Protein backbone atom coordinates (compact mmCIF):
# COMPACT_ATOMS: atom_id res chain seq x y z
CA MET A 1 -5.38 2.36 -2.65
CA GLY A 2 -3.46 3.46 -5.71
CA ALA A 3 -0.53 2.33 -7.72
CA THR A 4 2.36 4.76 -7.75
CA ALA A 5 2.84 8.11 -6.08
CA LEU A 6 5.46 10.78 -5.55
CA LEU A 7 7.56 10.14 -2.41
CA VAL A 8 6.39 12.42 0.42
CA SER A 9 8.92 14.97 1.54
CA ALA A 10 9.32 13.60 5.08
CA ALA A 11 10.49 10.30 3.73
CA LEU A 12 12.79 11.98 1.24
CA ALA A 13 14.44 13.89 4.03
CA ALA A 14 15.06 10.74 6.13
CA PRO A 15 18.29 8.81 5.40
CA ALA A 16 17.97 5.09 4.67
CA ALA A 17 18.65 3.16 7.83
CA SER A 18 20.14 -0.28 7.51
CA ALA A 19 20.44 -2.99 10.15
CA ALA A 20 22.12 -5.30 7.77
CA GLN A 21 24.86 -7.65 9.02
CA GLY A 22 27.39 -8.98 6.64
CA GLY A 23 27.72 -8.42 2.88
CA GLY A 24 26.10 -11.45 1.27
CA HIS A 25 22.75 -9.88 0.56
CA LEU A 26 23.80 -6.83 -1.46
CA ALA A 27 21.11 -7.28 -4.13
CA THR A 28 18.43 -7.64 -1.45
CA ARG A 29 19.55 -4.54 0.30
CA ARG A 30 19.61 -2.57 -2.98
CA ALA A 31 16.04 -3.70 -3.72
CA VAL A 32 14.87 -2.58 -0.30
CA GLU A 33 16.55 0.81 -0.76
CA ALA A 34 15.13 1.14 -4.27
CA ALA A 35 11.62 0.64 -2.95
CA VAL A 36 12.12 3.65 -0.60
CA ALA A 37 13.48 5.69 -3.47
CA ALA A 38 10.41 4.81 -5.53
CA GLY A 39 8.00 6.05 -2.84
CA VAL A 40 7.61 3.60 -0.02
CA PRO A 41 7.95 5.31 3.38
CA GLY A 42 9.89 2.44 4.87
CA VAL A 43 10.85 -1.20 4.40
CA THR A 44 11.88 -3.97 6.73
CA ALA A 45 13.14 -7.43 5.62
CA THR A 46 14.72 -10.53 7.09
CA ALA A 47 16.27 -13.46 5.37
CA GLU A 48 17.30 -16.75 6.86
CA ASP A 49 19.39 -19.51 5.34
CA THR A 50 22.01 -22.09 6.42
CA HIS A 51 24.39 -19.27 7.32
CA GLY A 52 21.91 -17.71 9.78
CA ALA A 53 19.60 -14.75 9.83
CA TRP A 54 20.17 -11.40 8.18
CA SER A 55 18.01 -8.24 8.37
CA THR A 56 17.86 -4.81 6.77
CA THR A 57 15.68 -1.74 6.82
CA ALA A 58 15.46 1.48 4.81
CA GLY A 59 13.32 4.63 5.14
CA VAL A 60 11.15 5.64 8.02
CA GLY A 61 8.65 4.01 10.35
CA ASP A 62 7.12 7.34 11.34
CA LEU A 63 6.80 10.20 8.86
CA ARG A 64 6.10 12.71 11.65
CA THR A 65 9.24 11.98 13.75
CA GLY A 66 11.52 10.49 11.12
CA ARG A 67 12.01 7.39 13.32
CA PRO A 68 13.53 4.62 11.11
CA ARG A 69 11.93 1.27 10.56
CA SER A 70 13.05 -1.57 12.77
CA THR A 71 14.01 -5.11 11.86
CA ALA A 72 11.77 -6.19 14.77
CA ASP A 73 8.66 -4.33 13.49
CA ARG A 74 5.38 -6.17 13.71
CA TYR A 75 2.96 -5.52 10.88
CA ARG A 76 -0.30 -6.59 9.34
CA ILE A 77 0.41 -9.53 7.09
CA ALA A 78 -3.00 -9.52 5.34
CA SER A 79 -3.39 -12.44 2.92
CA ILE A 80 -0.38 -14.26 4.23
CA THR A 81 -3.00 -15.28 6.84
CA LYS A 82 -4.36 -17.63 4.14
CA THR A 83 -1.33 -19.94 4.40
CA PHE A 84 -1.90 -20.36 8.13
CA VAL A 85 -5.66 -21.09 7.55
CA ALA A 86 -4.91 -23.67 4.86
CA THR A 87 -2.29 -25.33 7.05
CA VAL A 88 -4.83 -25.83 9.87
CA LEU A 89 -7.42 -27.36 7.44
CA LEU A 90 -4.77 -29.72 6.01
CA GLN A 91 -3.79 -30.69 9.58
CA LEU A 92 -7.43 -31.54 10.22
CA GLU A 93 -7.50 -33.61 7.07
CA ALA A 94 -4.45 -35.53 8.24
CA GLU A 95 -6.32 -36.23 11.43
CA HIS A 96 -9.28 -37.63 9.35
CA ARG A 97 -11.61 -34.99 10.71
CA ILE A 98 -12.34 -33.46 7.34
CA SER A 99 -11.77 -34.22 3.66
CA LEU A 100 -10.71 -31.68 0.98
CA ASP A 101 -13.46 -33.15 -1.07
CA ASP A 102 -16.18 -32.39 1.55
CA THR A 103 -18.68 -29.80 0.31
CA VAL A 104 -19.07 -26.44 1.90
CA GLU A 105 -22.75 -27.32 2.35
CA ARG A 106 -21.81 -30.32 4.56
CA TRP A 107 -20.03 -28.10 7.08
CA LEU A 108 -21.90 -24.81 6.59
CA PRO A 109 -25.42 -25.75 5.56
CA GLY A 110 -27.35 -22.89 3.94
CA VAL A 111 -24.48 -20.36 4.12
CA VAL A 112 -23.49 -20.45 0.39
CA HIS A 113 -26.76 -20.03 -1.45
CA GLY A 114 -28.75 -17.55 -3.57
CA ASN A 115 -28.03 -15.77 -6.80
CA GLY A 116 -26.74 -19.02 -8.36
CA ASN A 117 -24.36 -19.79 -5.44
CA ASP A 118 -24.58 -23.41 -4.37
CA GLY A 119 -22.45 -24.78 -1.47
CA ARG A 120 -23.28 -28.29 -2.54
CA ARG A 121 -21.08 -27.83 -5.66
CA ILE A 122 -18.12 -26.27 -3.88
CA THR A 123 -15.53 -28.38 -2.07
CA VAL A 124 -13.07 -27.35 0.66
CA ARG A 125 -10.27 -27.75 -1.89
CA ARG A 126 -11.96 -25.28 -4.20
CA LEU A 127 -12.15 -22.79 -1.45
CA LEU A 128 -8.43 -23.13 -0.71
CA ASN A 129 -7.22 -22.90 -4.30
CA HIS A 130 -9.73 -20.17 -5.40
CA THR A 131 -11.56 -22.31 -7.95
CA SER A 132 -14.91 -22.03 -6.16
CA GLY A 133 -16.24 -19.13 -8.32
CA ILE A 134 -17.55 -17.37 -5.25
CA HIS A 135 -17.41 -13.56 -5.63
CA ASP A 136 -14.85 -11.71 -3.62
CA TYR A 137 -16.66 -9.55 -1.05
CA LEU A 138 -13.81 -7.03 -1.18
CA ALA A 139 -14.87 -6.29 -4.79
CA ASP A 140 -18.35 -5.24 -3.78
CA ALA A 141 -18.95 -1.60 -4.69
CA ASP A 142 -20.51 -0.70 -1.33
CA PHE A 143 -17.71 -2.47 0.61
CA GLN A 144 -15.14 -0.58 -1.50
CA ARG A 145 -16.76 2.76 -0.60
CA THR A 146 -16.98 1.81 3.06
CA TYR A 147 -13.39 0.72 3.54
CA PHE A 148 -11.30 1.82 0.66
CA THR A 149 -12.12 5.44 0.26
CA GLU A 150 -10.86 8.22 2.59
CA ALA A 151 -14.29 9.14 3.86
CA GLY A 152 -15.54 5.64 4.24
CA PHE A 153 -12.42 4.39 6.05
CA LEU A 154 -12.28 7.31 8.51
CA GLU A 155 -15.88 6.68 9.39
CA HIS A 156 -15.83 2.89 9.59
CA ARG A 157 -12.18 1.92 10.52
CA TYR A 158 -13.22 0.74 13.97
CA ASP A 159 -16.42 -1.09 12.98
CA THR A 160 -16.70 -4.81 13.84
CA VAL A 161 -17.87 -7.01 10.96
CA GLY A 162 -18.80 -10.68 11.39
CA ALA A 163 -17.64 -13.48 9.10
CA ARG A 164 -21.20 -14.36 8.13
CA ASP A 165 -21.82 -10.66 7.28
CA LEU A 166 -18.81 -10.75 4.88
CA VAL A 167 -20.11 -13.96 3.22
CA ALA A 168 -23.55 -12.40 2.86
CA ILE A 169 -22.03 -9.53 0.93
CA ALA A 170 -20.61 -12.00 -1.53
CA MET A 171 -23.95 -13.86 -1.80
CA ARG A 172 -25.49 -10.72 -3.22
CA HIS A 173 -23.48 -11.43 -6.35
CA LYS A 174 -23.73 -14.21 -8.93
CA PRO A 175 -20.71 -16.57 -8.98
CA ASP A 176 -17.81 -15.48 -11.06
CA PHE A 177 -17.85 -18.86 -12.81
CA ALA A 178 -19.09 -22.42 -12.29
CA PRO A 179 -17.11 -24.18 -9.50
CA GLY A 180 -13.96 -25.81 -10.80
CA THR A 181 -14.00 -24.27 -14.29
CA SER A 182 -11.71 -21.25 -13.81
CA TRP A 183 -9.69 -19.36 -11.18
CA ASN A 184 -10.28 -16.05 -9.37
CA TYR A 185 -8.76 -14.78 -6.13
CA SER A 186 -11.59 -14.38 -3.66
CA ASN A 187 -11.20 -13.46 0.02
CA THR A 188 -14.66 -14.91 0.58
CA ASN A 189 -13.12 -18.39 0.15
CA TYR A 190 -10.99 -18.02 3.20
CA VAL A 191 -13.66 -16.37 5.36
CA LEU A 192 -15.57 -19.58 4.65
CA ALA A 193 -12.46 -21.65 5.36
CA GLY A 194 -12.18 -20.07 8.78
CA MET A 195 -15.82 -20.83 9.44
CA VAL A 196 -15.26 -24.47 8.45
CA ILE A 197 -12.36 -24.72 10.92
CA GLU A 198 -14.64 -23.50 13.69
CA LYS A 199 -17.40 -25.96 12.70
CA VAL A 200 -15.02 -28.95 12.59
CA THR A 201 -13.16 -28.21 15.87
CA GLY A 202 -15.76 -26.30 17.89
CA ARG A 203 -13.16 -23.59 18.42
CA PRO A 204 -12.50 -20.31 16.63
CA TYR A 205 -10.07 -20.47 13.78
CA ALA A 206 -7.76 -18.05 15.61
CA ALA A 207 -7.56 -20.48 18.60
CA GLU A 208 -6.60 -23.35 16.27
CA ILE A 209 -3.86 -21.27 14.57
CA GLU A 210 -2.56 -20.23 17.96
CA ARG A 211 -2.52 -23.83 19.23
CA ARG A 212 -1.29 -25.65 16.14
CA ILE A 213 1.12 -23.15 14.62
CA ILE A 214 1.95 -20.09 16.69
CA GLY A 215 2.52 -21.97 19.92
CA ARG A 216 4.15 -24.94 18.32
CA LEU A 217 6.75 -22.86 16.47
CA ARG A 218 7.05 -20.26 19.21
CA LEU A 219 6.19 -17.39 16.89
CA THR A 220 6.35 -14.75 19.58
CA ALA A 221 5.57 -11.82 17.27
CA THR A 222 2.61 -13.48 15.52
CA SER A 223 -1.02 -12.97 16.57
CA VAL A 224 -4.57 -13.17 15.38
CA PRO A 225 -5.96 -9.86 16.69
CA GLY A 226 -9.69 -10.31 16.21
CA THR A 227 -11.12 -6.87 16.84
CA LYS A 228 -8.01 -5.29 18.50
CA VAL A 229 -7.26 -2.08 16.64
CA ALA A 230 -3.65 -1.39 17.58
CA LEU A 231 -0.42 -2.99 16.37
CA PRO A 232 1.73 -4.56 19.13
CA TRP A 233 5.05 -2.91 19.95
CA PRO A 234 7.54 -2.73 18.28
CA SER A 235 5.92 -1.48 15.14
CA SER A 236 5.95 1.35 12.66
CA ARG A 237 3.11 3.55 11.53
CA ALA A 238 1.18 2.45 8.41
CA TYR A 239 0.22 4.83 5.62
CA SER A 240 -2.25 4.97 2.80
CA LYS A 241 -3.21 7.38 -0.02
CA PHE A 242 -6.48 5.42 -0.72
CA THR A 243 -7.58 5.96 -4.34
CA ASP A 244 -5.46 9.05 -5.08
CA PRO A 245 -1.71 8.26 -5.39
CA ASP A 246 -1.00 12.03 -5.69
CA GLY A 247 -3.21 12.93 -2.69
CA PRO A 248 -2.43 13.32 0.94
CA THR A 249 -0.95 10.54 3.06
CA TYR A 250 -3.08 9.17 5.83
CA ASP A 251 -1.99 7.31 8.97
CA VAL A 252 -4.06 4.09 8.95
CA THR A 253 -2.11 2.26 11.61
CA THR A 254 -5.09 1.58 13.84
CA LEU A 255 -8.09 -0.25 12.39
CA ASN A 256 -10.37 -3.06 13.33
CA PRO A 257 -9.18 -6.02 11.17
CA SER A 258 -12.40 -7.95 11.45
CA PHE A 259 -13.28 -6.84 7.90
CA ALA A 260 -10.39 -9.08 6.72
CA SER A 261 -11.37 -11.98 9.05
CA SER A 262 -9.64 -15.28 8.32
CA ALA A 263 -8.78 -14.00 4.86
CA GLY A 264 -6.27 -11.53 6.17
CA GLU A 265 -6.36 -10.24 9.77
CA MET A 266 -3.09 -11.64 11.21
CA ILE A 267 -0.04 -9.70 12.48
CA SER A 268 3.58 -10.97 12.45
CA ASP A 269 7.13 -9.91 11.87
CA SER A 270 9.64 -10.91 9.21
CA ALA A 271 11.63 -13.34 11.41
CA ASP A 272 8.46 -15.20 12.41
CA LEU A 273 7.27 -15.46 8.79
CA ASP A 274 10.65 -16.88 7.77
CA ARG A 275 10.33 -19.48 10.56
CA PHE A 276 6.77 -20.36 9.60
CA TYR A 277 7.37 -20.93 5.90
CA SER A 278 10.63 -22.70 6.59
CA ALA A 279 8.87 -25.14 8.93
CA LEU A 280 5.91 -25.56 6.56
CA LEU A 281 7.99 -26.36 3.46
CA GLY A 282 10.46 -28.33 5.53
CA GLY A 283 7.71 -30.74 6.43
CA LYS A 284 7.47 -29.84 10.17
CA LEU A 285 3.70 -28.81 10.08
CA LEU A 286 2.14 -31.21 7.63
CA PRO A 287 2.60 -34.89 6.69
CA PRO A 288 4.02 -35.53 3.24
CA ARG A 289 0.62 -36.26 1.66
CA GLN A 290 -0.94 -33.07 2.90
CA LEU A 291 2.10 -31.01 1.98
CA LYS A 292 1.93 -32.51 -1.54
CA GLU A 293 -1.83 -31.41 -1.69
CA MET A 294 -0.86 -27.92 -0.58
CA LYS A 295 1.75 -27.72 -3.39
CA THR A 296 -0.59 -29.02 -6.12
CA THR A 297 -1.17 -25.82 -8.08
CA VAL A 298 -3.54 -24.40 -10.64
CA ASP A 299 -3.08 -21.62 -13.24
CA THR A 300 -3.83 -18.09 -12.06
CA ARG A 301 -4.46 -14.72 -13.48
CA ILE A 302 -1.97 -13.04 -11.10
CA ALA A 303 0.99 -13.38 -13.47
CA PRO A 304 2.31 -15.97 -15.89
CA ASN A 305 5.04 -16.95 -13.44
CA VAL A 306 2.68 -17.58 -10.50
CA ARG A 307 0.61 -20.67 -9.78
CA TYR A 308 -1.60 -21.26 -6.75
CA GLY A 309 -1.86 -24.28 -4.49
CA LEU A 310 -3.84 -24.49 -1.23
CA GLY A 311 -3.05 -21.13 0.38
CA LEU A 312 0.36 -21.22 -1.12
CA MET A 313 1.86 -19.44 -4.17
CA ASP A 314 4.47 -21.04 -6.41
CA THR A 315 6.45 -18.17 -7.99
CA ARG A 316 9.04 -18.72 -10.70
CA LEU A 317 11.65 -16.03 -10.50
CA THR A 318 13.51 -14.64 -13.54
CA CYS A 319 16.56 -16.80 -12.71
CA GLY A 320 14.40 -19.92 -12.84
CA VAL A 321 14.24 -20.52 -9.08
CA HIS A 322 10.88 -21.52 -7.68
CA VAL A 323 9.86 -20.17 -4.27
CA TRP A 324 6.82 -20.89 -2.19
CA GLY A 325 4.95 -18.33 -0.09
CA HIS A 326 2.30 -15.65 -0.26
CA THR A 327 1.72 -11.98 -0.69
CA GLY A 328 -0.40 -9.71 1.50
CA GLY A 329 -1.87 -6.27 1.17
CA ILE A 330 -4.10 -4.29 3.59
CA HIS A 331 -4.36 -0.58 4.48
CA GLY A 332 -0.88 0.76 4.95
CA SER A 333 0.89 -2.53 4.52
CA ALA A 334 2.27 -4.58 1.64
CA SER A 335 4.14 -7.78 2.49
CA GLU A 336 5.59 -10.94 0.90
CA ALA A 337 7.17 -14.01 2.39
CA ALA A 338 8.72 -16.87 0.50
CA THR A 339 11.02 -19.85 0.92
CA THR A 340 12.75 -22.44 -1.26
CA GLN A 341 11.31 -25.88 -1.90
CA ASP A 342 13.27 -27.37 1.03
CA GLY A 343 12.49 -24.54 3.40
CA ARG A 344 16.18 -23.83 3.95
CA HIS A 345 16.30 -20.28 2.52
CA SER A 346 13.52 -17.80 3.35
CA VAL A 347 12.84 -14.08 3.13
CA ALA A 348 9.96 -11.82 4.32
CA VAL A 349 9.56 -8.13 3.58
CA ASN A 350 7.11 -5.44 4.51
CA PHE A 351 6.35 -1.90 3.20
CA ASN A 352 4.53 0.46 5.50
CA GLY A 353 2.79 2.23 2.60
CA ASP A 354 0.27 0.74 0.16
CA TRP A 355 0.55 3.01 -2.84
CA SER A 356 4.02 2.49 -4.28
CA GLY A 357 6.61 -0.18 -4.98
CA GLU A 358 6.64 -3.89 -5.39
CA THR A 359 7.96 -6.63 -3.16
CA ALA A 360 8.99 -8.87 -6.08
CA PRO A 361 12.38 -7.27 -6.59
CA VAL A 362 13.28 -8.09 -2.96
CA LEU A 363 12.70 -11.81 -3.73
CA GLU A 364 14.67 -11.54 -6.97
CA GLY A 365 17.52 -9.95 -5.05
CA GLU A 366 17.57 -12.56 -2.36
CA PHE A 367 17.08 -15.77 -4.35
CA CYS A 368 18.71 -14.88 -7.73
C-alpha cells in the first residue's frame, strides 16, 4: 500500500456529500473535504462533545455507482483493536487474575522461543507498550508478498490464518532489540496478548471483548468478525492500490481478517468508537489504577508528538492539546479515533482508501 496517488476519476466526478449538522465543526469538515481532494475516495467522521453528536461525510463509498459515504458506515478499524485488547487485559489485572509483570512464558509456555526470542524475559506490559523487541510478523518479506501485493492478496484474501501461525512467522526472526531497551511497533505483541486473554479466561479474546466492552457499552455497530469476509451493512466499499500509488484501484472490501487477528481484525463505526474512547478515558471501563497504567507512556518512533501507553496513543496536537486514542490501517481502510483526557470530547474518522491522505488534520480541525 503506497503513500500518495492521483485521485481516480470516479471520485473526482462525485460531489462531496455532507451530513453535517450545525456549524461548529467547520475546520473538521474542511479537513475531511481536503482528504477527498487529495485522493481519498470517501471519508466519514463523527464527533461527540457536551453539545451532542455531529457527523460529516465527503466523497464516495462506491466508485462504480458514485454512492456517497454514510455517517453510519461500518468499517475495518484495524489497530484500533489494540485498545480493546489492552482494556480487557487491564480488567483482568483489576480482577487479580493476571499481573502486567507476568511473563509471556508463564501464560504461553514455549510459544516465544528460538532465534534469540525468550518469553521468560518479556512481560505482559512489554507486549502492550511495544517494548518487547519481538519482530512484527507483518514486516516479514514472505508475509508482505502474500498479503500486500496485488497478486498475493488476490490469491490469499480468503485464507484463514491462526494466531499461532502468525507468531511462528515472527519467531523466524531475531528480536529487534533486547526486551525493555527500546520501542518498536509490532503486531505480534497483540496477537500474543489475545492468546494470553484466552489462556487466562478459557474463552476466546473475541468473546471477552464482546462481553466486557461491546455488550456493556451497547456498541451495536462493533464486532470481532473472526473469519467472516464481508462488512456488515451499512458500509462502503474499500479500495487499495497496493504498492503502486499510480496503479489501478482494487476493491478489497471482502477479506478474511484472521491475518490481523487480535492485532487488528475488528469492525466498528465512528459513533461507537467515540462512545468507547469516551467511556474508557472517562473511567467507565477501568478502575483508576489500571487507567493510570494504560496512560503511562513511553517514547516512540512514530512521531515526536506521539507517545505510547498500553494500547493507547498520547498525541500532542499543534495547539498543545493532548488527545488519547489510536490509529488503524488495513487494506482499503485508514482510521483514527481520539478523545480528550476526560473523555468528554471525541472524534473518529475513516478513509475508505489506503494510499492517500492523513487522518491527523481531522483531529487538528476538531480539537484545535
